[in-house]
Amino acid sequence: MTDTPDSRDTVWVEHEALIDRVPRWVAMLALAVLVVAIWDLATARMGWVSPIILPSPGETLEDLIFVGRNLLTGGYMLEALWTTTRTVFWAFLLATCIGFSLGVLVGETKFGERAVMPYLVAIDTMPKVAFAPLFIAWLGFDIASKVALAAFIATFPIVVSTAAGLYSASENERMLFKAMGASRLQTLLRLKLPNGLPHIFTGLKIAAVGVMAGAITGEFLGGGRGFGALIRQSASQMDTPRVFALILYLSLLGLALFFTVAWLQKRLVFWNKANQPIGAA
């Protein structure tokens, strides 16, 4: 008996659209060129938007070069960037320690889940920027108040992701560890934490974005010598090209922190298939 086309096993293959076959770098470059072209058309070419509101790409490029030269020559902007970098680093470290500890408390104990978590949710719903004057009043205008505000903003995602990661271990896995006589601490260290690392790193990446916003907000509202203070000064002088240039350099700092966390995730959670790009073997 010969197989007919209808009786043969078939393999379903998803056909990619033409736009999905474009390499990532080509797509990103094309999108950037399109955005800059529309930006230039709306500002420099047609004058639809006032330069006070939105500077042209040429004006922004001039300030990008000026800021870059100041950073490379060790000018006052390099000191400001170093101040902001220290604020972001200490705030992220503090948020990670506090968030992870509270996440373990919430994910491992009924007390944390029933008593602590509702208060954390209530605090997270509050407008965190409104706490900036309080941190300044408590800790002064130095770096400590900026670190506290940035850590305050970035802590909650780490709490939630850590608790969710501890919950991700299946009932069968927990019962197996219990049957093998593992203690609660051994189950936490050898089952729940390794299982929960993908969730934890997701929270860390969200926190990496939030800590940048908190640090700049603290510098913007509470003075200091960081990039946030330079942005405030430039904005008060209606120097929008300088504001855009400073924001773009700050985005590089945020990207560096985000991709550092992503790199650590790739190294520590290499066994998780979700970390592999789509189509990877």
Protein backbone atom coordinates (compact mmCIF):
# COMPACT_ATOMS: atom_id res chain seq x y z
CA MET A 1 0.00 0.00 0.00
CA THR A 2 1.42 3.35 -1.03
CA ASP A 3 1.01 6.48 0.91
CA THR A 4 -1.23 9.05 -0.61
CA PRO A 5 -0.54 12.77 -0.14
CA ASP A 6 -3.47 12.90 2.26
CA SER A 7 -2.14 10.07 4.43
CA ARG A 8 1.42 11.31 4.74
CA ASP A 9 2.52 13.10 7.85
CA THR A 10 2.69 16.78 7.30
CA VAL A 11 4.76 19.36 9.12
CA TRP A 12 3.23 22.74 9.76
CA VAL A 13 5.62 25.52 8.92
CA GLU A 14 4.98 29.15 9.76
CA HIS A 15 5.76 31.46 6.86
CA GLU A 16 7.40 34.69 7.92
CA ALA A 17 6.16 37.93 6.49
CA LEU A 18 8.60 39.86 4.33
CA ILE A 19 9.02 42.57 6.97
CA ASP A 20 9.96 39.93 9.58
CA ARG A 21 12.84 38.72 7.38
CA VAL A 22 14.61 42.07 7.54
CA PRO A 23 17.73 41.90 9.79
CA ARG A 24 17.36 43.67 13.12
CA TRP A 25 20.09 46.25 12.49
CA VAL A 26 18.54 47.17 9.13
CA ALA A 27 15.09 47.59 10.68
CA MET A 28 16.45 49.70 13.56
CA LEU A 29 18.49 51.88 11.20
CA ALA A 30 15.54 52.39 8.85
CA LEU A 31 13.25 53.33 11.72
CA ALA A 32 15.81 55.81 13.08
CA VAL A 33 16.26 57.42 9.66
CA LEU A 34 12.49 57.71 9.26
CA VAL A 35 12.04 59.35 12.69
CA VAL A 36 14.89 61.82 12.09
CA ALA A 37 13.52 62.66 8.62
CA ILE A 38 10.05 63.43 10.02
CA TRP A 39 11.64 65.37 12.88
CA ASP A 40 13.74 67.44 10.46
CA LEU A 41 10.75 68.07 8.21
CA ALA A 42 8.57 69.28 11.09
CA THR A 43 11.24 71.60 12.54
CA ALA A 44 13.97 72.79 10.16
CA ARG A 45 12.24 72.36 6.80
CA MET A 46 8.60 73.30 7.28
CA GLY A 47 8.74 75.08 10.65
CA TRP A 48 5.59 73.39 11.91
CA VAL A 49 7.03 73.18 15.45
CA SER A 50 8.73 76.05 17.26
CA PRO A 51 12.45 75.44 18.03
CA ILE A 52 11.71 76.44 21.62
CA ILE A 53 9.46 73.40 21.91
CA LEU A 54 11.35 70.97 19.68
CA PRO A 55 14.85 71.72 18.35
CA SER A 56 15.88 70.51 14.93
CA PRO A 57 18.12 67.44 14.52
CA GLY A 58 21.00 69.71 13.46
CA GLU A 59 20.78 71.83 16.62
CA THR A 60 20.54 68.72 18.77
CA LEU A 61 23.56 67.20 17.02
CA GLU A 62 25.62 70.33 17.73
CA ASP A 63 24.83 70.05 21.43
CA LEU A 64 25.47 66.30 21.39
CA ILE A 65 28.96 67.04 20.08
CA PHE A 66 29.48 69.80 22.66
CA VAL A 67 28.42 67.57 25.55
CA GLY A 68 30.52 64.69 24.20
CA ARG A 69 33.63 66.87 23.99
CA ASN A 70 33.03 68.15 27.52
CA LEU A 71 32.78 64.57 28.78
CA LEU A 72 35.91 63.44 26.93
CA THR A 73 37.99 66.39 28.12
CA GLY A 74 37.00 65.88 31.76
CA GLY A 75 34.88 69.02 32.04
CA TYR A 76 32.16 69.81 34.52
CA MET A 77 29.68 67.54 32.71
CA LEU A 78 31.88 64.50 33.36
CA GLU A 79 31.70 65.22 37.09
CA ALA A 80 27.90 65.59 36.79
CA LEU A 81 27.64 62.28 34.92
CA TRP A 82 29.79 60.56 37.54
CA THR A 83 27.51 61.92 40.29
CA THR A 84 24.43 60.57 38.52
CA THR A 85 26.14 57.23 37.86
CA ARG A 86 26.98 56.82 41.56
CA THR A 87 23.40 57.67 42.49
CA VAL A 88 22.02 55.10 40.05
CA PHE A 89 24.45 52.40 41.17
CA TRP A 90 23.82 52.77 44.91
CA ALA A 91 20.07 53.14 44.41
CA PHE A 92 19.91 50.00 42.26
CA LEU A 93 21.99 48.05 44.78
CA LEU A 94 19.79 49.25 47.66
CA ALA A 95 16.58 48.48 45.75
CA THR A 96 17.86 45.00 44.90
CA CYS A 97 18.71 44.17 48.52
CA ILE A 98 15.45 45.52 49.95
CA GLY A 99 13.27 44.21 47.13
CA PHE A 100 14.76 40.73 47.22
CA SER A 101 14.46 40.50 51.01
CA LEU A 102 10.83 41.62 50.98
CA GLY A 103 10.11 39.34 48.02
CA VAL A 104 11.41 36.32 49.93
CA LEU A 105 9.34 37.38 52.95
CA VAL A 106 6.20 37.66 50.83
CA GLY A 107 6.85 34.51 48.82
CA GLU A 108 7.92 32.30 51.71
CA THR A 109 5.70 33.28 54.64
CA LYS A 110 1.98 33.69 55.16
CA PHE A 111 2.74 36.76 57.27
CA GLY A 112 4.48 38.41 54.34
CA GLU A 113 1.73 37.47 51.90
CA ARG A 114 -1.20 38.48 54.13
CA ALA A 115 0.18 41.38 56.18
CA VAL A 116 3.17 42.91 54.38
CA MET A 117 2.09 42.69 50.73
CA PRO A 118 -1.10 44.80 51.09
CA TYR A 119 0.95 47.65 52.57
CA LEU A 120 3.51 47.38 49.78
CA VAL A 121 0.75 47.55 47.17
CA ALA A 122 -0.79 50.56 48.92
CA ILE A 123 2.56 52.35 48.97
CA ASP A 124 3.21 51.52 45.32
CA THR A 125 -0.09 53.10 44.26
CA MET A 126 0.99 56.43 45.75
CA PRO A 127 2.62 59.06 43.48
CA LYS A 128 6.25 58.41 44.37
CA VAL A 129 7.50 61.75 43.04
CA ALA A 130 5.48 63.41 45.81
CA PHE A 131 7.85 61.79 48.32
CA ALA A 132 10.84 63.73 46.94
CA PRO A 133 10.40 66.71 49.33
CA LEU A 134 10.17 64.30 52.26
CA PHE A 135 13.40 62.50 51.36
CA ILE A 136 15.11 65.88 50.93
CA ALA A 137 13.81 67.02 54.34
CA TRP A 138 14.95 63.79 55.99
CA LEU A 139 18.30 63.26 54.23
CA GLY A 140 19.25 66.70 52.92
CA PHE A 141 20.25 67.86 49.47
CA ASP A 142 23.19 65.48 49.16
CA ILE A 143 23.29 62.24 47.18
CA ALA A 144 21.56 60.27 49.95
CA SER A 145 18.12 61.76 49.25
CA LYS A 146 18.43 60.98 45.51
CA VAL A 147 19.51 57.40 46.24
CA ALA A 148 16.58 56.95 48.61
CA LEU A 149 14.02 58.25 46.11
CA ALA A 150 15.41 56.17 43.23
CA ALA A 151 15.52 53.02 45.36
CA PHE A 152 11.98 53.74 46.59
CA ILE A 153 10.73 53.81 42.99
CA ALA A 154 12.63 50.70 41.90
CA THR A 155 11.98 48.37 44.85
CA PHE A 156 8.40 47.21 44.22
CA PRO A 157 9.01 45.45 40.85
CA ILE A 158 11.77 43.41 42.47
CA VAL A 159 9.47 42.45 45.37
CA VAL A 160 6.72 41.25 43.04
CA SER A 161 9.04 39.40 40.66
CA THR A 162 10.89 37.67 43.50
CA ALA A 163 7.64 36.51 45.13
CA ALA A 164 6.30 35.34 41.75
CA GLY A 165 9.54 33.48 41.11
CA LEU A 166 9.29 31.62 44.42
CA TYR A 167 5.69 30.68 43.62
CA SER A 168 6.71 29.30 40.20
CA ALA A 169 7.99 25.98 41.56
CA SER A 170 5.35 23.32 40.91
CA GLU A 171 3.57 21.37 43.62
CA ASN A 172 5.17 18.12 42.42
CA GLU A 173 8.66 19.59 42.72
CA ARG A 174 7.98 20.86 46.24
CA MET A 175 6.52 17.48 47.27
CA LEU A 176 9.59 15.72 45.87
CA PHE A 177 11.93 17.87 47.96
CA LYS A 178 9.74 17.28 51.00
CA ALA A 179 9.79 13.51 50.43
CA MET A 180 13.57 13.62 50.18
CA GLY A 181 13.73 15.26 53.61
CA ALA A 182 14.93 18.67 52.42
CA SER A 183 14.58 21.49 54.92
CA ARG A 184 12.70 24.68 54.15
CA LEU A 185 15.98 26.54 53.61
CA GLN A 186 17.31 23.81 51.30
CA THR A 187 14.09 23.90 49.28
CA LEU A 188 14.37 27.67 49.00
CA LEU A 189 18.02 27.66 47.93
CA ARG A 190 18.03 24.60 45.68
CA LEU A 191 14.56 24.66 44.14
CA LYS A 192 12.61 27.89 44.49
CA LEU A 193 15.40 30.42 43.89
CA PRO A 194 16.90 28.68 40.82
CA ASN A 195 13.37 28.19 39.45
CA GLY A 196 12.50 31.80 40.11
CA LEU A 197 15.58 33.45 38.62
CA PRO A 198 13.88 34.30 35.28
CA HIS A 199 11.14 36.15 37.16
CA ILE A 200 13.64 37.88 39.45
CA PHE A 201 15.72 39.14 36.54
CA THR A 202 12.56 40.46 34.88
CA GLY A 203 11.96 42.57 37.97
CA LEU A 204 15.58 43.70 37.99
CA LYS A 205 15.32 44.90 34.39
CA ILE A 206 12.17 46.86 35.22
CA ALA A 207 13.94 48.30 38.26
CA ALA A 208 16.92 49.30 36.11
CA VAL A 209 14.59 51.58 34.16
CA GLY A 210 12.81 52.88 37.25
CA VAL A 211 15.99 53.69 39.15
CA MET A 212 17.13 55.97 36.34
CA ALA A 213 13.84 57.88 36.45
CA GLY A 214 14.06 58.17 40.23
CA ALA A 215 17.64 59.42 40.25
CA ILE A 216 16.99 62.11 37.63
CA THR A 217 13.75 63.15 39.31
CA GLY A 218 15.58 63.51 42.61
CA GLU A 219 18.28 65.65 41.02
CA PHE A 220 15.75 67.69 39.11
CA LEU A 221 13.68 68.51 42.19
CA GLY A 222 16.29 68.42 44.92
CA GLY A 223 19.28 70.14 43.41
CA GLY A 224 22.67 68.51 43.42
CA ARG A 225 25.41 68.31 40.82
CA GLY A 226 24.18 65.52 38.56
CA PHE A 227 22.79 65.46 35.05
CA GLY A 228 19.31 66.15 36.41
CA ALA A 229 20.50 69.50 37.73
CA LEU A 230 22.05 70.32 34.34
CA ILE A 231 18.76 69.49 32.64
CA ARG A 232 16.91 71.77 35.04
CA GLN A 233 19.34 74.62 34.39
CA SER A 234 19.14 74.20 30.61
CA ALA A 235 15.35 74.02 30.70
CA SER A 236 15.15 77.22 32.77
CA GLN A 237 17.20 78.96 30.06
CA MET A 238 14.94 77.53 27.30
CA ASP A 239 17.96 75.73 25.85
CA THR A 240 16.00 72.78 24.49
CA PRO A 241 18.82 71.40 22.26
CA ARG A 242 21.02 71.05 25.37
CA VAL A 243 18.13 69.37 27.23
CA PHE A 244 17.70 66.85 24.40
CA ALA A 245 21.44 66.19 24.25
CA LEU A 246 21.68 65.56 28.00
CA ILE A 247 18.64 63.26 27.89
CA LEU A 248 20.17 61.23 25.07
CA TYR A 249 23.42 60.74 27.00
CA LEU A 250 21.41 59.73 30.04
CA SER A 251 19.62 57.13 27.94
CA LEU A 252 23.01 55.56 27.23
CA LEU A 253 23.58 55.22 30.97
CA GLY A 254 20.17 53.61 31.37
CA LEU A 255 20.82 51.23 28.49
CA ALA A 256 24.18 50.27 29.98
CA LEU A 257 22.52 49.31 33.27
CA PHE A 258 19.69 47.45 31.54
CA PHE A 259 21.98 45.43 29.28
CA THR A 260 24.30 44.66 32.20
CA VAL A 261 21.36 43.02 33.98
CA ALA A 262 20.37 41.25 30.75
CA TRP A 263 23.96 39.98 30.35
CA LEU A 264 23.97 38.63 33.90
CA GLN A 265 20.65 36.92 33.24
CA LYS A 266 22.04 35.25 30.13
CA ARG A 267 25.06 34.00 32.10
CA LEU A 268 23.21 32.83 35.22
CA VAL A 269 19.97 31.58 33.67
CA PHE A 270 21.48 29.99 30.56
CA TRP A 271 19.28 26.92 30.99
CA ASN A 272 16.07 28.88 30.49
CA LYS A 273 14.84 28.61 26.89
CA ALA A 274 12.92 31.87 27.23
CA ASN A 275 16.26 33.72 27.26
CA GLN A 276 17.08 32.52 23.76
CA PRO A 277 16.10 34.64 20.77
CA ILE A 278 13.20 33.44 18.66
CA GLY A 279 14.42 30.84 16.22
CA ALA A 280 17.55 29.96 18.19
CA ALA A 281 18.40 26.30 18.41
